[in-house]
Amino acid sequence: MSSSINSVYNNTIWALSNHSNRLMELQEQASTGLKVNRPSDAPSSANRILNIKSELRSMDTELSSIGEITSRLEMSSSVVQSMTSQMGGMRARITSVLSGLQAGTTAASTRKAVGDEFNDMIEQYLSLANSSKAGQYLFGGAASSKPPYVVERDIHGDITSVKYVGSHDDRHVKVAAGVEMPSCLVGDDIFKFDSREPPKFLGTTGAVAGTGTSTIRGSKWLEVSASGGGWDLSIDGGLSSVHVPPAGPNTMVTDSKTGEVLYVDSTGITNAGLEAVTVNGTYDVFNALIATRDLLRGTKPISDDDYRELLSQSSASLNEVDHGLTRAFTSIGGRLEALSNLKDSIEDVQVSVEGERSRLQDADIAQISVDIAERTTLYQMSMSVAAKVFGLSILDYI
């Protein structure tokens, strides 16, 4: 008899404890919305949930990096697009000036006014090329913490040369496992173009291109002056010169300011004067604009025919630069598209992984409600049994 009462008592206590604990678990799941609140609830699922959360954090970091790079590239694209739009307008101005020259209706004051417009444009382009976002210069490459372009100015404050001092390596940022993308671009790759052609000489001195490969870029003025029964040749405004004779097919004339070299065939020089030297395929955004501005302002004494020829070549150089900017714009667009595709792929994986996490961790509130009602009923039944068991006394057996 005693054994039977102990058995009933123990079973009743166990049932009350079991139903009470299960009710607490269900109520916790209902309040948190999670069916796994601690590792002990489901060790295998808890371990997978922890791994999934780590994966999701990594993907959030990757998406954040993609967003940052995308923002910078979009700003870079806007800069290049703005330059291209303005370049089209200035090319139209050159065409108008040329038409007026051919018709004899364009005055020197008009040309100078257009030159001043080009001067303003050079300043705007410098500001655009030195654009920054969140303290990082868009076109400085890996050296993105400082302005990538520096200038030299004349006594009037006008820009005479623009030099790239940024890095020639892109600033890469990791955006996914094994995937890096450039965040800050190399300005020299965007605004400078290199498909060098032989130098062209325009003048009456008799100087022509030498046999060596010159390193001058864009446009230069070769000054030929009589000296000591021969000629002095200079491309830096007379700051330095080389004397001939001895004349030769490959006389090297150096710009003392930049170190650039022009090889001249000096054997045919017959008189002093100026030679306009242009090297197609080596113009960049800035030297093309500076050369055109100076030409429009009439800073050199040249004939009307040479002037028209040089202005026509300036128009061609601006067209060359415009095509280069268009290619750069397309290249940046391709990178933005690649980032967009990568972002979509990561987001698709993120949705799939998040779905797995939800399946493992999120509670089914409707089912929990049913389970709570069922457990509550069982608990109440156990309480009823316990009340009867614990109310027994020796008198019930007499």
Protein backbone atom coordinates (compact mmCIF):
# COMPACT_ATOMS: atom_id res chain seq x y z
CA MET A 1 0.00 0.00 0.00
CA SER A 2 2.75 2.46 0.99
CA SER A 3 4.63 1.71 -2.25
CA SER A 4 1.54 2.45 -4.36
CA ILE A 5 0.92 5.80 -2.64
CA ASN A 6 4.58 6.81 -3.14
CA SER A 7 4.39 5.88 -6.80
CA VAL A 8 1.23 7.98 -7.33
CA TYR A 9 2.79 10.85 -5.41
CA ASN A 10 6.03 10.75 -7.44
CA ASN A 11 4.20 10.49 -10.76
CA THR A 12 1.99 13.42 -9.87
CA ILE A 13 4.98 15.58 -8.87
CA TRP A 14 6.76 14.65 -12.10
CA ALA A 15 3.72 15.52 -14.22
CA LEU A 16 3.29 18.89 -12.51
CA SER A 17 6.99 19.69 -12.98
CA ASN A 18 7.04 18.54 -16.60
CA HIS A 19 3.93 20.50 -17.61
CA SER A 20 5.09 23.57 -15.68
CA ASN A 21 8.53 23.57 -17.36
CA ARG A 22 7.04 23.03 -20.80
CA LEU A 23 4.55 25.85 -20.23
CA MET A 24 7.42 28.16 -19.27
CA GLU A 25 9.30 27.21 -22.45
CA LEU A 26 6.23 27.81 -24.61
CA GLN A 27 5.49 31.14 -22.94
CA GLU A 28 9.11 32.23 -23.45
CA GLN A 29 8.89 31.25 -27.12
CA ALA A 30 5.64 33.17 -27.46
CA SER A 31 7.12 36.30 -25.86
CA THR A 32 10.45 36.22 -27.81
CA GLY A 33 9.11 34.79 -31.05
CA LEU A 34 12.00 32.30 -31.02
CA LYS A 35 11.89 28.57 -30.54
CA VAL A 36 15.63 28.40 -29.77
CA ASN A 37 16.50 30.90 -27.07
CA ARG A 38 19.64 29.24 -25.71
CA PRO A 39 22.01 26.50 -26.90
CA SER A 40 20.52 23.95 -24.49
CA ASP A 41 17.12 24.27 -26.21
CA ALA A 42 18.45 22.53 -29.34
CA PRO A 43 22.26 22.16 -29.44
CA SER A 44 22.52 21.17 -33.10
CA SER A 45 20.20 23.93 -34.31
CA ALA A 46 21.82 26.48 -32.00
CA ASN A 47 25.25 25.77 -33.49
CA ARG A 48 23.94 26.18 -37.04
CA ILE A 49 22.11 29.38 -36.05
CA LEU A 50 25.36 30.86 -34.69
CA ASN A 51 27.15 30.02 -37.97
CA ILE A 52 24.31 31.55 -39.97
CA LYS A 53 24.43 34.76 -37.92
CA SER A 54 28.17 35.00 -38.60
CA GLU A 55 27.51 34.54 -42.32
CA LEU A 56 24.82 37.21 -42.26
CA ARG A 57 27.13 39.68 -40.49
CA SER A 58 29.79 39.07 -43.15
CA MET A 59 27.25 39.68 -45.90
CA ASP A 60 26.09 42.88 -44.19
CA THR A 61 29.72 44.05 -44.15
CA GLU A 62 30.11 43.16 -47.83
CA LEU A 63 26.93 45.01 -48.77
CA SER A 64 28.09 48.03 -46.78
CA SER A 65 31.41 48.03 -48.66
CA ILE A 66 29.62 47.68 -51.99
CA GLY A 67 27.35 50.57 -51.05
CA GLU A 68 30.33 52.77 -50.16
CA ILE A 69 32.21 51.96 -53.37
CA THR A 70 29.07 52.36 -55.46
CA SER A 71 28.47 55.79 -53.96
CA ARG A 72 32.01 56.92 -54.82
CA LEU A 73 31.91 55.48 -58.33
CA GLU A 74 28.53 57.11 -58.95
CA MET A 75 30.03 60.45 -57.91
CA SER A 76 33.06 59.79 -60.14
CA SER A 77 30.71 58.99 -63.01
CA SER A 78 28.84 62.25 -62.42
CA VAL A 79 32.12 64.19 -62.50
CA VAL A 80 33.17 62.65 -65.82
CA GLN A 81 29.69 63.15 -67.26
CA SER A 82 29.77 66.82 -66.25
CA MET A 83 33.16 67.25 -67.93
CA THR A 84 31.91 65.61 -71.11
CA SER A 85 28.83 67.82 -71.20
CA GLN A 86 30.89 71.01 -70.79
CA MET A 87 33.45 69.82 -73.34
CA GLY A 88 30.74 69.48 -75.96
CA GLY A 89 29.71 73.09 -75.39
CA MET A 90 33.28 74.40 -75.69
CA ARG A 91 33.91 72.44 -78.87
CA ALA A 92 30.88 74.18 -80.31
CA ARG A 93 32.43 77.54 -79.32
CA ILE A 94 35.63 76.67 -81.21
CA THR A 95 33.63 75.68 -84.27
CA SER A 96 31.84 79.03 -84.11
CA VAL A 97 35.14 80.93 -83.87
CA LEU A 98 36.58 79.01 -86.83
CA SER A 99 33.50 79.73 -88.92
CA GLY A 100 33.80 83.42 -88.05
CA LEU A 101 37.49 83.47 -88.97
CA GLN A 102 36.79 81.93 -92.34
CA ALA A 103 34.05 84.50 -92.95
CA GLY A 104 36.19 87.33 -91.57
CA THR A 105 33.64 88.24 -88.89
CA THR A 106 35.37 87.13 -85.67
CA ALA A 107 37.27 89.95 -83.96
CA ALA A 108 40.29 89.44 -81.70
CA SER A 109 38.19 90.62 -78.74
CA THR A 110 35.69 87.85 -79.40
CA ARG A 111 38.45 85.25 -79.51
CA LYS A 112 39.85 86.57 -76.26
CA ALA A 113 36.42 86.40 -74.62
CA VAL A 114 36.11 82.74 -75.64
CA GLY A 115 39.63 82.20 -74.29
CA ASP A 116 38.48 83.59 -70.95
CA GLU A 117 35.61 81.09 -71.00
CA PHE A 118 38.19 78.33 -71.47
CA ASN A 119 40.16 79.74 -68.54
CA ASP A 120 37.07 79.46 -66.33
CA MET A 121 36.55 75.92 -67.60
CA ILE A 122 40.11 74.94 -66.62
CA GLU A 123 39.40 76.08 -63.06
CA GLN A 124 36.13 74.10 -63.00
CA TYR A 125 37.83 70.98 -64.33
CA LEU A 126 40.55 71.27 -61.69
CA SER A 127 37.90 71.44 -58.98
CA LEU A 128 36.08 68.43 -60.45
CA ALA A 129 39.27 66.38 -60.80
CA ASN A 130 40.03 67.10 -57.12
CA SER A 131 36.55 66.04 -55.97
CA SER A 132 36.37 64.16 -52.69
CA LYS A 133 33.82 62.18 -50.71
CA ALA A 134 34.08 61.50 -46.98
CA GLY A 135 37.67 62.73 -46.99
CA GLN A 136 38.77 60.47 -49.86
CA TYR A 137 39.76 62.03 -53.22
CA LEU A 138 37.95 60.22 -56.00
CA PHE A 139 40.76 60.33 -58.56
CA GLY A 140 43.84 59.95 -56.33
CA GLY A 141 44.06 56.17 -56.59
CA ALA A 142 45.70 54.54 -53.57
CA ALA A 143 46.89 58.00 -52.41
CA SER A 144 43.34 59.16 -51.83
CA SER A 145 44.01 61.26 -48.74
CA LYS A 146 45.37 64.30 -50.61
CA PRO A 147 44.36 66.28 -53.74
CA PRO A 148 45.65 64.39 -56.81
CA TYR A 149 46.20 67.47 -58.98
CA VAL A 150 48.48 70.43 -58.33
CA VAL A 151 48.94 73.46 -60.58
CA GLU A 152 51.38 76.16 -61.56
CA ARG A 153 50.05 79.70 -62.15
CA ASP A 154 51.40 82.78 -63.85
CA ILE A 155 51.65 86.21 -62.30
CA HIS A 156 48.00 86.86 -63.21
CA GLY A 157 46.84 83.77 -61.35
CA ASP A 158 45.97 81.79 -64.47
CA ILE A 159 46.82 78.08 -64.55
CA THR A 160 49.78 77.32 -66.81
CA SER A 161 50.18 73.61 -66.06
CA VAL A 162 48.41 70.85 -64.16
CA LYS A 163 50.31 67.90 -62.72
CA TYR A 164 49.01 64.59 -61.40
CA VAL A 165 50.58 63.73 -58.02
CA GLY A 166 48.24 60.92 -57.00
CA SER A 167 48.99 57.21 -57.05
CA HIS A 168 49.07 55.16 -60.24
CA ASP A 169 47.51 52.23 -58.39
CA ASP A 170 43.79 51.97 -57.71
CA ARG A 171 42.62 52.00 -54.08
CA HIS A 172 41.03 48.54 -53.83
CA VAL A 173 38.51 47.54 -51.20
CA LYS A 174 37.44 43.96 -50.42
CA VAL A 175 33.77 43.52 -51.24
CA ALA A 176 33.42 39.73 -51.02
CA ALA A 177 35.53 36.64 -50.46
CA GLY A 178 38.30 36.86 -53.05
CA VAL A 179 36.77 39.92 -54.72
CA GLU A 180 38.21 43.45 -54.60
CA MET A 181 36.98 46.55 -56.41
CA PRO A 182 38.57 50.00 -56.91
CA SER A 183 37.10 52.62 -54.62
CA CYS A 184 39.20 55.61 -55.72
CA LEU A 185 40.30 55.73 -59.37
CA VAL A 186 43.63 56.76 -60.91
CA GLY A 187 43.18 60.24 -62.36
CA ASP A 188 45.85 59.70 -65.01
CA ASP A 189 43.81 56.75 -66.32
CA ILE A 190 40.68 58.89 -66.56
CA PHE A 191 41.87 62.30 -67.78
CA LYS A 192 45.09 61.46 -69.62
CA PHE A 193 45.33 59.57 -72.92
CA ASP A 194 48.34 57.89 -74.51
CA SER A 195 48.39 56.89 -78.16
CA ARG A 196 51.39 58.97 -79.23
CA GLU A 197 51.78 60.06 -82.87
CA PRO A 198 54.87 61.74 -84.40
CA PRO A 199 55.15 65.48 -83.65
CA LYS A 200 53.75 67.90 -86.22
CA PHE A 201 55.54 71.20 -86.87
CA LEU A 202 53.73 74.29 -88.08
CA GLY A 203 55.93 77.27 -88.94
CA THR A 204 58.49 78.58 -91.42
CA THR A 205 61.81 78.01 -89.65
CA GLY A 206 62.60 74.79 -91.51
CA ALA A 207 62.66 72.66 -88.35
CA VAL A 208 60.96 69.27 -88.61
CA ALA A 209 60.52 66.21 -86.41
CA GLY A 210 63.69 64.33 -85.52
CA THR A 211 64.17 60.58 -85.66
CA GLY A 212 63.99 60.01 -81.89
CA THR A 213 60.83 59.45 -79.86
CA SER A 214 59.92 62.75 -78.22
CA THR A 215 58.36 62.81 -74.76
CA ILE A 216 56.57 66.16 -74.96
CA ARG A 217 52.82 65.97 -74.51
CA GLY A 218 50.09 67.99 -76.19
CA SER A 219 51.34 71.27 -77.63
CA LYS A 220 54.66 73.07 -77.37
CA TRP A 221 56.24 76.14 -78.94
CA LEU A 222 59.70 75.67 -80.44
CA GLU A 223 61.52 79.00 -80.46
CA VAL A 224 64.32 79.35 -83.01
CA SER A 225 66.54 82.39 -82.56
CA ALA A 226 69.71 83.46 -84.35
CA SER A 227 72.84 83.21 -82.21
CA GLY A 228 76.58 83.29 -83.01
CA GLY A 229 76.19 82.34 -86.64
CA GLY A 230 73.82 79.51 -85.74
CA TRP A 231 70.55 78.91 -83.97
CA ASP A 232 69.34 78.52 -80.40
CA LEU A 233 66.44 76.10 -79.95
CA SER A 234 64.16 76.27 -76.89
CA ILE A 235 60.81 74.76 -75.83
CA ASP A 236 60.56 76.33 -72.35
CA GLY A 237 60.23 79.99 -73.27
CA GLY A 238 63.97 80.61 -73.45
CA LEU A 239 64.78 79.33 -69.95
CA SER A 240 67.16 76.84 -71.56
CA SER A 241 68.31 76.23 -75.12
CA VAL A 242 70.49 74.07 -77.33
CA HIS A 243 72.77 75.63 -79.93
CA VAL A 244 73.21 74.45 -83.51
CA PRO A 245 75.47 73.86 -85.27
CA PRO A 246 76.30 71.14 -84.97
CA ALA A 247 72.95 70.49 -86.64
CA GLY A 248 71.65 66.97 -87.00
CA PRO A 249 68.64 64.81 -87.71
CA ASN A 250 68.02 64.25 -84.01
CA THR A 251 68.84 67.37 -81.99
CA MET A 252 67.53 66.96 -78.45
CA VAL A 253 65.74 70.01 -77.00
CA THR A 254 64.72 69.74 -73.34
CA ASP A 255 62.10 71.59 -71.32
CA SER A 256 63.99 72.55 -68.16
CA LYS A 257 60.73 72.81 -66.16
CA THR A 258 59.25 69.41 -66.97
CA GLY A 259 62.16 67.37 -68.31
CA GLU A 260 60.21 66.63 -71.49
CA VAL A 261 62.25 66.19 -74.68
CA LEU A 262 61.58 67.20 -78.28
CA TYR A 263 63.79 65.66 -80.97
CA VAL A 264 64.28 68.08 -83.87
CA ASP A 265 65.79 67.58 -87.30
CA SER A 266 67.71 70.86 -87.31
CA THR A 267 69.55 70.35 -90.62
CA GLY A 268 66.97 72.30 -92.61
CA ILE A 269 66.60 75.37 -90.34
CA THR A 270 66.88 78.53 -92.44
CA ASN A 271 65.49 81.32 -90.30
CA ALA A 272 64.41 82.33 -86.81
CA GLY A 273 60.80 82.18 -85.65
CA LEU A 274 58.21 80.10 -83.86
CA GLU A 275 57.19 76.53 -84.61
CA ALA A 276 53.95 75.23 -83.13
CA VAL A 277 54.56 71.58 -82.27
CA THR A 278 51.59 69.29 -81.62
CA VAL A 279 51.66 65.62 -80.65
CA ASN A 280 48.31 63.97 -81.27
CA GLY A 281 47.37 61.14 -78.93
CA THR A 282 49.07 62.75 -75.93
CA TYR A 283 46.53 65.37 -74.94
CA ASP A 284 44.93 65.26 -71.55
CA VAL A 285 41.96 67.22 -70.27
CA PHE A 286 44.14 70.04 -68.98
CA ASN A 287 46.88 70.56 -71.56
CA ALA A 288 44.27 70.58 -74.34
CA LEU A 289 42.25 73.29 -72.60
CA ILE A 290 45.32 75.35 -71.66
CA ALA A 291 46.71 75.24 -75.21
CA THR A 292 43.34 76.26 -76.66
CA ARG A 293 42.93 79.09 -74.14
CA ASP A 294 46.37 80.50 -74.92
CA LEU A 295 45.75 80.25 -78.64
CA LEU A 296 42.44 82.08 -78.39
CA ARG A 297 44.01 84.81 -76.30
CA GLY A 298 46.64 85.32 -79.01
CA THR A 299 49.74 85.08 -76.85
CA LYS A 300 52.03 84.13 -79.77
CA PRO A 301 52.81 86.14 -82.94
CA ILE A 302 51.77 83.82 -85.77
CA SER A 303 50.20 84.28 -89.19
CA ASP A 304 46.45 84.15 -89.76
CA ASP A 305 46.79 80.96 -91.78
CA ASP A 306 48.82 79.28 -89.03
CA TYR A 307 46.33 80.54 -86.47
CA ARG A 308 43.41 78.95 -88.27
CA GLU A 309 45.34 75.71 -88.71
CA LEU A 310 46.27 75.60 -85.03
CA LEU A 311 42.72 76.38 -83.94
CA SER A 312 41.49 73.55 -86.14
CA GLN A 313 44.04 71.24 -84.48
CA SER A 314 42.85 72.46 -81.07
CA SER A 315 39.32 71.50 -82.02
CA ALA A 316 40.62 68.03 -82.95
CA SER A 317 42.47 67.75 -79.62
CA LEU A 318 39.29 68.64 -77.72
CA ASN A 319 37.46 65.99 -79.72
CA GLU A 320 40.20 63.50 -78.77
CA VAL A 321 39.80 64.41 -75.10
CA ASP A 322 36.01 64.17 -75.35
CA HIS A 323 36.25 60.64 -76.76
CA GLY A 324 38.61 59.70 -73.95
CA LEU A 325 36.21 61.00 -71.32
CA THR A 326 33.38 59.08 -72.96
CA ARG A 327 35.42 55.86 -72.78
CA ALA A 328 36.20 56.56 -69.12
CA PHE A 329 32.50 57.16 -68.41
CA THR A 330 31.65 53.83 -70.05
CA SER A 331 34.38 52.06 -68.06
CA ILE A 332 33.07 53.43 -64.76
CA GLY A 333 29.56 52.39 -65.80
CA GLY A 334 30.83 48.85 -66.35
CA ARG A 335 32.26 48.76 -62.84
CA LEU A 336 29.00 50.05 -61.40
CA GLU A 337 27.11 47.33 -63.25
CA ALA A 338 29.48 44.67 -61.90
CA LEU A 339 28.94 45.99 -58.37
CA SER A 340 25.18 45.99 -58.87
CA ASN A 341 25.24 42.36 -60.05
CA LEU A 342 27.43 41.37 -57.09
CA LYS A 343 25.09 43.17 -54.70
CA ASP A 344 22.08 41.34 -56.16
CA SER A 345 23.87 37.99 -55.81
CA ILE A 346 24.79 38.63 -52.18
CA GLU A 347 21.26 39.77 -51.37
CA ASP A 348 19.83 36.60 -52.97
CA VAL A 349 22.14 34.44 -50.85
CA GLN A 350 21.29 36.55 -47.82
CA VAL A 351 17.57 35.91 -48.32
CA SER A 352 18.20 32.16 -48.61
CA VAL A 353 20.40 32.05 -45.50
CA GLU A 354 17.97 34.22 -43.56
CA GLY A 355 15.20 31.80 -44.52
CA GLU A 356 17.21 28.90 -43.10
CA ARG A 357 17.84 30.84 -39.89
CA SER A 358 14.15 31.64 -39.59
CA ARG A 359 13.22 28.00 -40.11
CA LEU A 360 15.62 26.92 -37.38
CA GLN A 361 14.99 29.69 -34.85
CA ASP A 362 11.69 31.49 -35.38
CA ALA A 363 8.70 30.17 -33.49
CA ASP A 364 5.35 29.26 -35.05
CA ILE A 365 3.13 31.46 -32.90
CA ALA A 366 -0.09 29.75 -34.03
CA GLN A 367 1.23 26.32 -33.12
CA ILE A 368 2.63 27.63 -29.82
CA SER A 369 -0.83 28.97 -28.93
CA VAL A 370 -2.29 25.51 -29.50
CA ASP A 371 0.53 23.89 -27.48
CA ILE A 372 0.05 26.34 -24.61
CA ALA A 373 -3.69 25.60 -24.48
CA GLU A 374 -2.98 21.87 -24.51
CA ARG A 375 -0.30 22.09 -21.82
CA THR A 376 -2.48 24.32 -19.69
CA THR A 377 -5.24 21.72 -19.79
CA LEU A 378 -2.82 18.94 -18.88
CA TYR A 379 -1.36 21.04 -16.10
CA GLN A 380 -4.80 21.74 -14.69
CA MET A 381 -5.67 18.02 -14.86
CA SER A 382 -2.44 17.21 -13.03
CA MET A 383 -3.27 19.81 -10.41
CA SER A 384 -6.69 18.21 -9.96
CA VAL A 385 -5.12 14.78 -9.51
CA ALA A 386 -2.57 16.23 -7.10
CA ALA A 387 -5.32 17.82 -5.03
CA LYS A 388 -7.03 14.47 -4.63
CA VAL A 389 -3.80 12.59 -3.93
CA PHE A 390 -2.55 15.09 -1.39
CA GLY A 391 -6.02 15.20 0.29
CA LEU A 392 -5.97 11.51 1.20
CA SER A 393 -5.61 10.54 4.89
CA ILE A 394 -5.72 7.35 6.95
CA LEU A 395 -9.41 7.97 7.52
CA ASP A 396 -10.03 7.33 3.81
CA TYR A 397 -8.90 3.76 4.35
CA ILE A 398 -10.85 3.06 7.52
